[in-house]
Every structure is written in C-alpha cells, then in structure tokens.
C-alpha cells in the first residue's frame, strides 16, 4: 500500500491506491460498486466558462458501463454561441482521470469532467478543452518541452458587517482571524477542492478588506501547485464551482469579478508557468534564469496584448488594468517585480540551509529547490475562459521558443525598477501597452490570429467568434466616458459581478 496515495484527500485515489492519471473505466465502476454511489454527474464547460451538469441515476451495471463508455448527447447550440441549431448535436464523453465524489450532494454521487466530440466521433475542434489539448500537444511536438501551470484564484466574500475586530482598510494581506471573518470558509473550501482532485499550495487572505455600509468585503486567494497545463485548467474550473457552491450553502455572496467597487483592489487570476523536459524544470541554468525561460518570456511579451482576449473578457476587466495599480498595463518583465506583466518570482536559487538556520537542531542539508522557479503572467482575471487562456499561454511560450530574435525581445522588455513611480516615466514610454478595452483586445487578437491558428490549435471560426463577442461590448471609449462617475461604474460592476 502506497501511504502517499492512502493519505490523498481524493477519495478515489486513496481507495484505488493509484494516481488519478491512471484511472480506468473498471476503476470507476469498482469504486461506485464498493462505496454505494447511486448517481453519476457529467460535468463540462460551456461557452460561458461555467460548469454544466448532466445527471444520471445508475439503473444497473450495464447502464453504468454504457454511459462511461459512450457518453451522452447534448445540444451544442445551447452551450456554444457559434454552433447552429440545425447541426447542434454533440457527444460528451467522460475523462476518467477527473472523477471525484461530489462534496455537496446528500445522495452519494460521482462527478466526472467530460470532453466534447462531434457527430463523427472526433474531438470538437472548437471546444476550449480540446483547443488546450492541441496547444499542449503542439508545444511538445515542436520543442520537446511541456508546460506546467498553476493558478492564483482571488475572490471576495461579501457578508453582513461584524463590528468586532474590524480589519484595516486595504490591509488584509495574510491577515488572520479574528480580523478576517472567513478564514474557516476558505479552509473548508480548500478541503473540498482537494477532495475533488485539486492540488493546492496554500490559501490566505488578500489585500482587499473593507466595509461599505452594513456589508464587509473580504478578499482571499487560493494558489495551486504546478501540474500539466490541461489538469491545471481543470482544477481552476472545479475550484470556482466549489467556492460558489459552498458560498450558496453558507448564504453569502462570493465573486471573482475583476472590479469590485471604486477605489478598492480588484481580483486577478495570475498564472505561474514552468517549462519541463523529461520531468525536470528547464527554467534555470547555473543558478540563473535559463535562455529557454527567457525565450518563453519573449513569446509572452509578443502575444501579451492578444492574450487579454482570453484572460480579460468583459469591460470591467479594463477598469482593473489601469495605470499606477498593481495590475499591469505595460508589456514588460522583471525579477521579483510586481509592477511588471511577467514576474519571475523568488526561486530558491542559492537559498540553502535556511531550515537548519531557523532550526539549530536540524542537520544542514543542501536541498535543490530550483524546480520551484516559475514565470508569472499577471494580467488575467476571473472573467477568463480558463481553457482558452491556458491554450493561449501555451501558444505564446511555443512562439517564443521558435523566434530567432527571442532573446533580443526579452532584453528590451526587461525592467528592474518600479514603473509606477514618476521618475521612471521615460522607461514606460518605451514599453508596449496592454489593450484598454474589449474592443482593443479584439483588434489585437485579429492581428495575432496567425500565431494561434498555427499548427491547427485555434480554428479560424473560434478566433472570429471571440473577436465578435468582444466587439459586441462596444466599450472602446467606455473607461474614458464613465471615469469619475461612480454610479455608472458600479452599474457595470453589478452587470458582470458573476463573470467566468
């Protein structure tokens, strides 16, 4: 018995004593029969980025085998705006590695994420999950590398005000109870996410913490651990569903909206990435950032304006991406620098024997932590289409690795100062800017369409559909038009409060 697996919070992993990636149909059936599971839910993401559900009562063993083997039909035109009603039938087929016990149902229920297939039994080309799969495949086939990712999921809990131990306005970073009121909620949610297969690094309270009238707004963050980019997307989608479902049970409001109110910190969804080869990180070399990592960063610099089409998808996104705030507006990168778009965080290079210094009774051990080095893309928010965002980031990394002048681009875009400070205005003038609206983001996506369509990752129809959807907001001048009008800004916030 593998004790590491026996302690895993995912009930299927601990029961079957095998990692989720190795689950088979027989494993799923064995767990269902042995644990009194009475229902199966198929889960799949629609065009709006939210999980959808199809519920099955298990009638008998043959019925269970049939749905696990062949999936079921669904109406694609009701799930995706680009699919016409006259040819809308799709199949949803479960991916066994994603199975988990539903933490919210009284009836014992197993949930499984599904992939979309067309009428010919082929993966649906325009499915966001399939686009991500093609992006990951093309990266490996062209470079021999894989991309791992982990998301930082920020959210606000909004509840009735408690006058005891009020937190300091906008000073909630890593605050503890009793000054935070929803630490226990975060802990319960993290346990539920883990039981659903999510691997998390930690959770903590974030900067945003303030009161308006009789309501208190408390910002939190849950950060995941690196895994292959397809599983990273699945985990973020499941985590958002868990947090919302638990908030509903608690009778509180929870939002991932990029803009929460005027003058207060909004919520982002930063994504950390690392390139791997044969299970080892290639992000560092001789204790420094490797040229391979710098080439990938060049790709992110090149495609950054169009990546907003996947990661910043409604007008309120661009009320968060404003100058002189921690959310980036300039296309640049730097070490440990939170004013840049791509941050290379502290990575344990050369940091050895810290534990023995903190704990004098511990022996000195030269542990190698260099695999922890990541690069962090900081502009996405909770409105993101998570699968398309991860696919776009994968394409950008691949593009950087393929460009002959990648290292020149990286060198020009490097910033080692706080570009929010006025004394560095001249440096800012030399940097490209992120779009200021969905309209501008759509134009950037059109300009960069070639890179995304390369190797048949994104289809032309998908790109055209995204451009049209973004332009429908007609927000080219919106930020300028309603700036200073708090009422109009809040009307907009309310409209997109439950985005993504």
Foldseek 3Di string as FASTA:
>chain_A
DPVVQCPQLAPLSNVVVHALLPDDLVSVVVCCVVPVAQKEWEWEAFPQLAIDIDIDGDPDPVSSVCCQVFNDWDFQVVRYVLDDRVQGIKGWHFDRSQWGFQPPDPHTYIYTYTFIAGPVRHGDLAGLLQLLVLLQVVLCVVPVKFKWKKKKQKKKWKDFDDPPLDADAQQQWQDDPPNDPCPVVVVVLVSSLSNSPFAWDDKGWHRHWDDDDRMTITMIITIGDIDGLSVNLVSVNVSVVSSCVSCVVVVIDMFQAQDDAPPTHGFFMKMWMFMDHPRFTPQDDPLHGDVLVLLLLLLCLVQVQLLCLQFVPAFVLLVNDDALDLAEWWRAEEECASNHQKYWYDFCRVVFQPVCVVPVVDDGDGDDRNRRTIIMGGRGTPQGSSSNSSSSSSLSSSVSNPDPCSNVSNVLRYDDDNCSDPVCVVSRVSTDTHQNALQSSLVSLVVCVVSSPPSNSHDPSSNVVSSVSSCVNVCNCVCVVCPVVRVVSVVSCVVCRHHD
